[in-house]
Amino acid sequence: LQELGTDVLWAVRFVWVFCLFDGWVWIIAGILTAGGDTKFNMVANALVVWLFGLLPEWYFVIKGGGSPWLVQFIVAMYAIVNFVVFGLRYRQGSWRNNHLI
């Protein structure tokens, strides 16, 4: 029973990490969308969710029989990678050159 409590505690921590980084991604994605960089948003989100979210979940949890906290760990790592990808695009600044009008 104590192990279950530890697993739940780690899962909640990873949910917190996910919420933090995913919130930042939404802010950056909103800025990029307002700047007309919608194709990047679409492609980057699709690739990151498949490569760092769904495929690792399938491999480590479904196929490998991972624990519940591993699900939240993978989701948190997906959010961090997504934040890095979107943050790099924002810092690159190429979206500022879009002519929207």
N, C-alpha and C. Protein backbone atom coordinates (compact mmCIF):
# COMPACT_ATOMS: atom_id res chain seq x y z
N LEU A 1 0.82 -1.20 0.00
CA LEU A 1 0.00 0.00 0.00
C LEU A 1 0.87 1.26 0.00
N GLN A 2 2.00 1.20 0.68
CA GLN A 2 2.88 2.35 0.71
C GLN A 2 3.45 2.63 -0.67
N GLU A 3 3.72 1.56 -1.43
CA GLU A 3 4.23 1.74 -2.79
C GLU A 3 3.21 2.45 -3.68
N LEU A 4 1.94 2.14 -3.48
CA LEU A 4 0.88 2.80 -4.24
C LEU A 4 0.86 4.30 -3.96
N GLY A 5 1.01 4.66 -2.71
CA GLY A 5 1.06 6.08 -2.34
C GLY A 5 2.24 6.79 -2.98
N THR A 6 3.37 6.13 -3.05
CA THR A 6 4.55 6.71 -3.69
C THR A 6 4.32 6.87 -5.18
N ASP A 7 3.71 5.88 -5.82
CA ASP A 7 3.39 5.98 -7.25
C ASP A 7 2.45 7.13 -7.53
N VAL A 8 1.44 7.29 -6.69
CA VAL A 8 0.48 8.37 -6.87
C VAL A 8 1.17 9.72 -6.69
N LEU A 9 2.03 9.83 -5.71
CA LEU A 9 2.76 11.07 -5.47
C LEU A 9 3.61 11.46 -6.68
N TRP A 10 4.32 10.48 -7.24
CA TRP A 10 5.13 10.76 -8.44
C TRP A 10 4.25 11.12 -9.63
N ALA A 11 3.13 10.44 -9.79
CA ALA A 11 2.22 10.74 -10.90
C ALA A 11 1.70 12.17 -10.79
N VAL A 12 1.34 12.60 -9.60
CA VAL A 12 0.84 13.95 -9.40
C VAL A 12 1.93 14.98 -9.69
N ARG A 13 3.15 14.69 -9.30
CA ARG A 13 4.27 15.59 -9.61
C ARG A 13 4.45 15.74 -11.12
N PHE A 14 4.35 14.63 -11.83
CA PHE A 14 4.52 14.69 -13.29
C PHE A 14 3.34 15.40 -13.95
N VAL A 15 2.15 15.28 -13.38
CA VAL A 15 1.01 16.03 -13.91
C VAL A 15 1.27 17.52 -13.74
N TRP A 16 1.83 17.92 -12.61
CA TRP A 16 2.15 19.32 -12.37
C TRP A 16 3.17 19.82 -13.40
N VAL A 17 4.20 19.03 -13.67
CA VAL A 17 5.21 19.40 -14.68
C VAL A 17 4.55 19.54 -16.04
N PHE A 18 3.67 18.59 -16.40
CA PHE A 18 2.97 18.68 -17.67
C PHE A 18 2.17 19.97 -17.77
N CYS A 19 1.39 20.28 -16.74
CA CYS A 19 0.55 21.49 -16.77
C CYS A 19 1.39 22.74 -16.92
N LEU A 20 2.51 22.80 -16.25
CA LEU A 20 3.38 23.96 -16.32
C LEU A 20 3.92 24.16 -17.74
N PHE A 21 4.53 23.14 -18.30
CA PHE A 21 5.14 23.27 -19.62
C PHE A 21 4.09 23.36 -20.73
N ASP A 22 2.99 22.64 -20.60
CA ASP A 22 1.95 22.72 -21.62
C ASP A 22 1.32 24.10 -21.65
N GLY A 23 1.19 24.72 -20.50
CA GLY A 23 0.67 26.09 -20.46
C GLY A 23 1.58 27.05 -21.19
N TRP A 24 2.88 26.91 -21.00
CA TRP A 24 3.83 27.76 -21.72
C TRP A 24 3.77 27.50 -23.21
N VAL A 25 3.59 26.25 -23.60
CA VAL A 25 3.49 25.92 -25.03
C VAL A 25 2.26 26.60 -25.63
N TRP A 26 1.14 26.59 -24.92
CA TRP A 26 -0.07 27.23 -25.44
C TRP A 26 0.15 28.73 -25.63
N ILE A 27 0.87 29.36 -24.73
CA ILE A 27 1.16 30.78 -24.87
C ILE A 27 2.02 31.04 -26.10
N ILE A 28 3.09 30.27 -26.25
CA ILE A 28 3.97 30.44 -27.40
C ILE A 28 3.25 30.11 -28.70
N ALA A 29 2.46 29.04 -28.68
CA ALA A 29 1.71 28.66 -29.89
C ALA A 29 0.72 29.75 -30.27
N GLY A 30 0.13 30.41 -29.29
CA GLY A 30 -0.78 31.51 -29.58
C GLY A 30 -0.05 32.68 -30.23
N ILE A 31 1.14 32.97 -29.75
CA ILE A 31 1.94 34.05 -30.35
C ILE A 31 2.32 33.68 -31.78
N LEU A 32 2.76 32.45 -31.99
CA LEU A 32 3.13 32.01 -33.33
C LEU A 32 1.92 32.02 -34.27
N THR A 33 0.78 31.62 -33.77
CA THR A 33 -0.44 31.64 -34.59
C THR A 33 -0.80 33.07 -34.96
N ALA A 34 -0.72 33.97 -34.00
CA ALA A 34 -1.01 35.38 -34.28
C ALA A 34 -0.02 35.94 -35.30
N GLY A 35 1.19 35.39 -35.31
CA GLY A 35 2.20 35.82 -36.27
C GLY A 35 2.09 35.11 -37.61
N GLY A 36 1.09 34.27 -37.77
CA GLY A 36 0.85 33.60 -39.05
C GLY A 36 1.64 32.33 -39.27
N ASP A 37 2.21 31.76 -38.21
CA ASP A 37 3.03 30.55 -38.35
C ASP A 37 2.21 29.31 -38.02
N THR A 38 1.06 29.18 -38.66
CA THR A 38 0.14 28.08 -38.33
C THR A 38 0.61 26.73 -38.85
N LYS A 39 1.30 26.72 -39.98
CA LYS A 39 1.79 25.44 -40.52
C LYS A 39 2.79 24.81 -39.56
N PHE A 40 3.67 25.63 -39.00
CA PHE A 40 4.63 25.09 -38.03
C PHE A 40 3.91 24.49 -36.84
N ASN A 41 2.91 25.21 -36.32
CA ASN A 41 2.15 24.70 -35.17
C ASN A 41 1.56 23.32 -35.46
N MET A 42 0.98 23.19 -36.64
CA MET A 42 0.32 21.94 -37.00
C MET A 42 1.33 20.80 -37.13
N VAL A 43 2.40 21.03 -37.88
CA VAL A 43 3.39 19.98 -38.13
C VAL A 43 4.15 19.62 -36.85
N ALA A 44 4.60 20.64 -36.12
CA ALA A 44 5.37 20.39 -34.90
C ALA A 44 4.54 19.63 -33.87
N ASN A 45 3.30 20.04 -33.66
CA ASN A 45 2.45 19.34 -32.70
C ASN A 45 2.21 17.89 -33.10
N ALA A 46 1.96 17.66 -34.39
CA ALA A 46 1.72 16.29 -34.85
C ALA A 46 2.95 15.41 -34.64
N LEU A 47 4.11 15.92 -35.02
CA LEU A 47 5.33 15.12 -34.88
C LEU A 47 5.70 14.87 -33.42
N VAL A 48 5.64 15.91 -32.61
CA VAL A 48 6.05 15.77 -31.21
C VAL A 48 5.10 14.84 -30.45
N VAL A 49 3.80 14.96 -30.69
CA VAL A 49 2.87 14.10 -29.96
C VAL A 49 3.05 12.64 -30.35
N TRP A 50 3.33 12.36 -31.63
CA TRP A 50 3.55 10.98 -32.05
C TRP A 50 4.89 10.44 -31.56
N LEU A 51 5.95 11.22 -31.74
CA LEU A 51 7.30 10.73 -31.41
C LEU A 51 7.60 10.71 -29.92
N PHE A 52 7.04 11.66 -29.17
CA PHE A 52 7.38 11.76 -27.76
C PHE A 52 6.20 11.54 -26.82
N GLY A 53 5.02 11.28 -27.38
CA GLY A 53 3.85 11.02 -26.56
C GLY A 53 3.26 9.65 -26.79
N LEU A 54 2.68 9.46 -27.97
CA LEU A 54 1.94 8.22 -28.24
C LEU A 54 2.83 7.00 -28.41
N LEU A 55 3.88 7.10 -29.22
CA LEU A 55 4.74 5.93 -29.43
C LEU A 55 5.45 5.47 -28.14
N PRO A 56 6.04 6.38 -27.36
CA PRO A 56 6.62 5.92 -26.09
C PRO A 56 5.59 5.32 -25.13
N GLU A 57 4.39 5.89 -25.10
CA GLU A 57 3.34 5.33 -24.24
C GLU A 57 3.00 3.91 -24.68
N TRP A 58 2.85 3.72 -25.97
CA TRP A 58 2.53 2.39 -26.48
C TRP A 58 3.65 1.41 -26.15
N TYR A 59 4.90 1.82 -26.39
CA TYR A 59 6.02 0.90 -26.21
C TYR A 59 6.28 0.58 -24.74
N PHE A 60 6.36 1.60 -23.91
CA PHE A 60 6.75 1.38 -22.51
C PHE A 60 5.60 0.99 -21.60
N VAL A 61 4.40 1.46 -21.89
CA VAL A 61 3.27 1.20 -20.99
C VAL A 61 2.40 0.06 -21.49
N ILE A 62 1.93 0.17 -22.73
CA ILE A 62 1.04 -0.87 -23.26
C ILE A 62 1.80 -2.16 -23.51
N LYS A 63 2.87 -2.06 -24.29
CA LYS A 63 3.63 -3.26 -24.64
C LYS A 63 4.53 -3.72 -23.49
N GLY A 64 5.13 -2.77 -22.78
CA GLY A 64 6.07 -3.12 -21.73
C GLY A 64 5.48 -3.29 -20.35
N GLY A 65 4.21 -2.96 -20.18
CA GLY A 65 3.56 -3.14 -18.88
C GLY A 65 4.04 -2.17 -17.82
N GLY A 66 4.31 -0.93 -18.20
CA GLY A 66 4.79 0.07 -17.25
C GLY A 66 3.76 0.47 -16.22
N SER A 67 4.23 1.12 -15.19
CA SER A 67 3.35 1.52 -14.08
C SER A 67 2.61 2.81 -14.41
N PRO A 68 1.59 3.13 -13.61
CA PRO A 68 0.80 4.35 -13.88
C PRO A 68 1.62 5.64 -13.83
N TRP A 69 2.61 5.71 -12.94
CA TRP A 69 3.40 6.94 -12.89
C TRP A 69 4.22 7.11 -14.16
N LEU A 70 4.56 6.02 -14.85
CA LEU A 70 5.31 6.09 -16.10
C LEU A 70 4.50 6.79 -17.18
N VAL A 71 3.19 6.60 -17.17
CA VAL A 71 2.32 7.29 -18.11
C VAL A 71 2.48 8.80 -17.93
N GLN A 72 2.40 9.25 -16.71
CA GLN A 72 2.51 10.68 -16.45
C GLN A 72 3.92 11.20 -16.71
N PHE A 73 4.92 10.39 -16.47
CA PHE A 73 6.30 10.78 -16.78
C PHE A 73 6.46 11.02 -18.28
N ILE A 74 5.94 10.12 -19.09
CA ILE A 74 6.05 10.26 -20.54
C ILE A 74 5.28 11.50 -21.01
N VAL A 75 4.12 11.72 -20.45
CA VAL A 75 3.34 12.91 -20.81
C VAL A 75 4.10 14.18 -20.43
N ALA A 76 4.74 14.19 -19.27
CA ALA A 76 5.52 15.35 -18.85
C ALA A 76 6.71 15.57 -19.79
N MET A 77 7.39 14.49 -20.18
CA MET A 77 8.52 14.63 -21.10
C MET A 77 8.05 15.12 -22.47
N TYR A 78 6.88 14.68 -22.90
CA TYR A 78 6.30 15.18 -24.15
C TYR A 78 6.10 16.69 -24.06
N ALA A 79 5.57 17.17 -22.94
CA ALA A 79 5.32 18.60 -22.79
C ALA A 79 6.63 19.39 -22.78
N ILE A 80 7.66 18.85 -22.16
CA ILE A 80 8.96 19.54 -22.13
C ILE A 80 9.55 19.61 -23.53
N VAL A 81 9.51 18.51 -24.27
CA VAL A 81 10.03 18.51 -25.65
C VAL A 81 9.22 19.49 -26.50
N ASN A 82 7.92 19.49 -26.36
CA ASN A 82 7.07 20.41 -27.10
C ASN A 82 7.43 21.86 -26.77
N PHE A 83 7.68 22.14 -25.50
CA PHE A 83 8.09 23.48 -25.08
C PHE A 83 9.42 23.88 -25.72
N VAL A 84 10.36 22.96 -25.76
CA VAL A 84 11.66 23.26 -26.37
C VAL A 84 11.50 23.54 -27.86
N VAL A 85 10.73 22.72 -28.56
CA VAL A 85 10.51 22.90 -29.99
C VAL A 85 9.85 24.25 -30.27
N PHE A 86 8.79 24.56 -29.56
CA PHE A 86 8.09 25.82 -29.78
C PHE A 86 8.91 27.01 -29.31
N GLY A 87 9.64 26.84 -28.22
CA GLY A 87 10.49 27.92 -27.74
C GLY A 87 11.60 28.26 -28.72
N LEU A 88 12.18 27.23 -29.33
CA LEU A 88 13.22 27.47 -30.34
C LEU A 88 12.65 28.19 -31.55
N ARG A 89 11.45 27.79 -31.96
CA ARG A 89 10.81 28.46 -33.10
C ARG A 89 10.53 29.92 -32.77
N TYR A 90 10.06 30.18 -31.57
CA TYR A 90 9.79 31.55 -31.15
C TYR A 90 11.07 32.38 -31.15
N ARG A 91 12.12 31.83 -30.58
CA ARG A 91 13.40 32.56 -30.50
C ARG A 91 14.04 32.76 -31.85
N GLN A 92 13.78 31.84 -32.78
CA GLN A 92 14.33 31.96 -34.13
C GLN A 92 13.81 33.23 -34.80
N GLY A 93 12.56 33.56 -34.59
CA GLY A 93 11.99 34.80 -35.06
C GLY A 93 11.57 34.85 -36.51
N SER A 94 11.67 33.75 -37.24
CA SER A 94 11.27 33.77 -38.65
C SER A 94 9.79 34.04 -38.82
N TRP A 95 8.98 33.75 -37.84
CA TRP A 95 7.54 33.99 -37.90
C TRP A 95 7.22 35.48 -37.95
N ARG A 96 8.16 36.33 -37.52
CA ARG A 96 7.93 37.78 -37.52
C ARG A 96 7.91 38.36 -38.93
N ASN A 97 8.49 37.63 -39.89
CA ASN A 97 8.57 38.12 -41.26
C ASN A 97 7.32 37.82 -42.08
N ASN A 98 6.35 37.16 -41.50
CA ASN A 98 5.11 36.84 -42.22
C ASN A 98 4.32 38.13 -42.47
N HIS A 99 3.86 38.28 -43.68
CA HIS A 99 3.03 39.44 -44.03
C HIS A 99 1.57 39.01 -43.97
N LEU A 100 0.90 39.47 -42.95
CA LEU A 100 -0.46 38.99 -42.68
C LEU A 100 -1.54 39.81 -43.37
N ILE A 101 -1.20 41.00 -43.82
CA ILE A 101 -2.22 41.85 -44.47
C ILE A 101 -1.82 42.12 -45.89
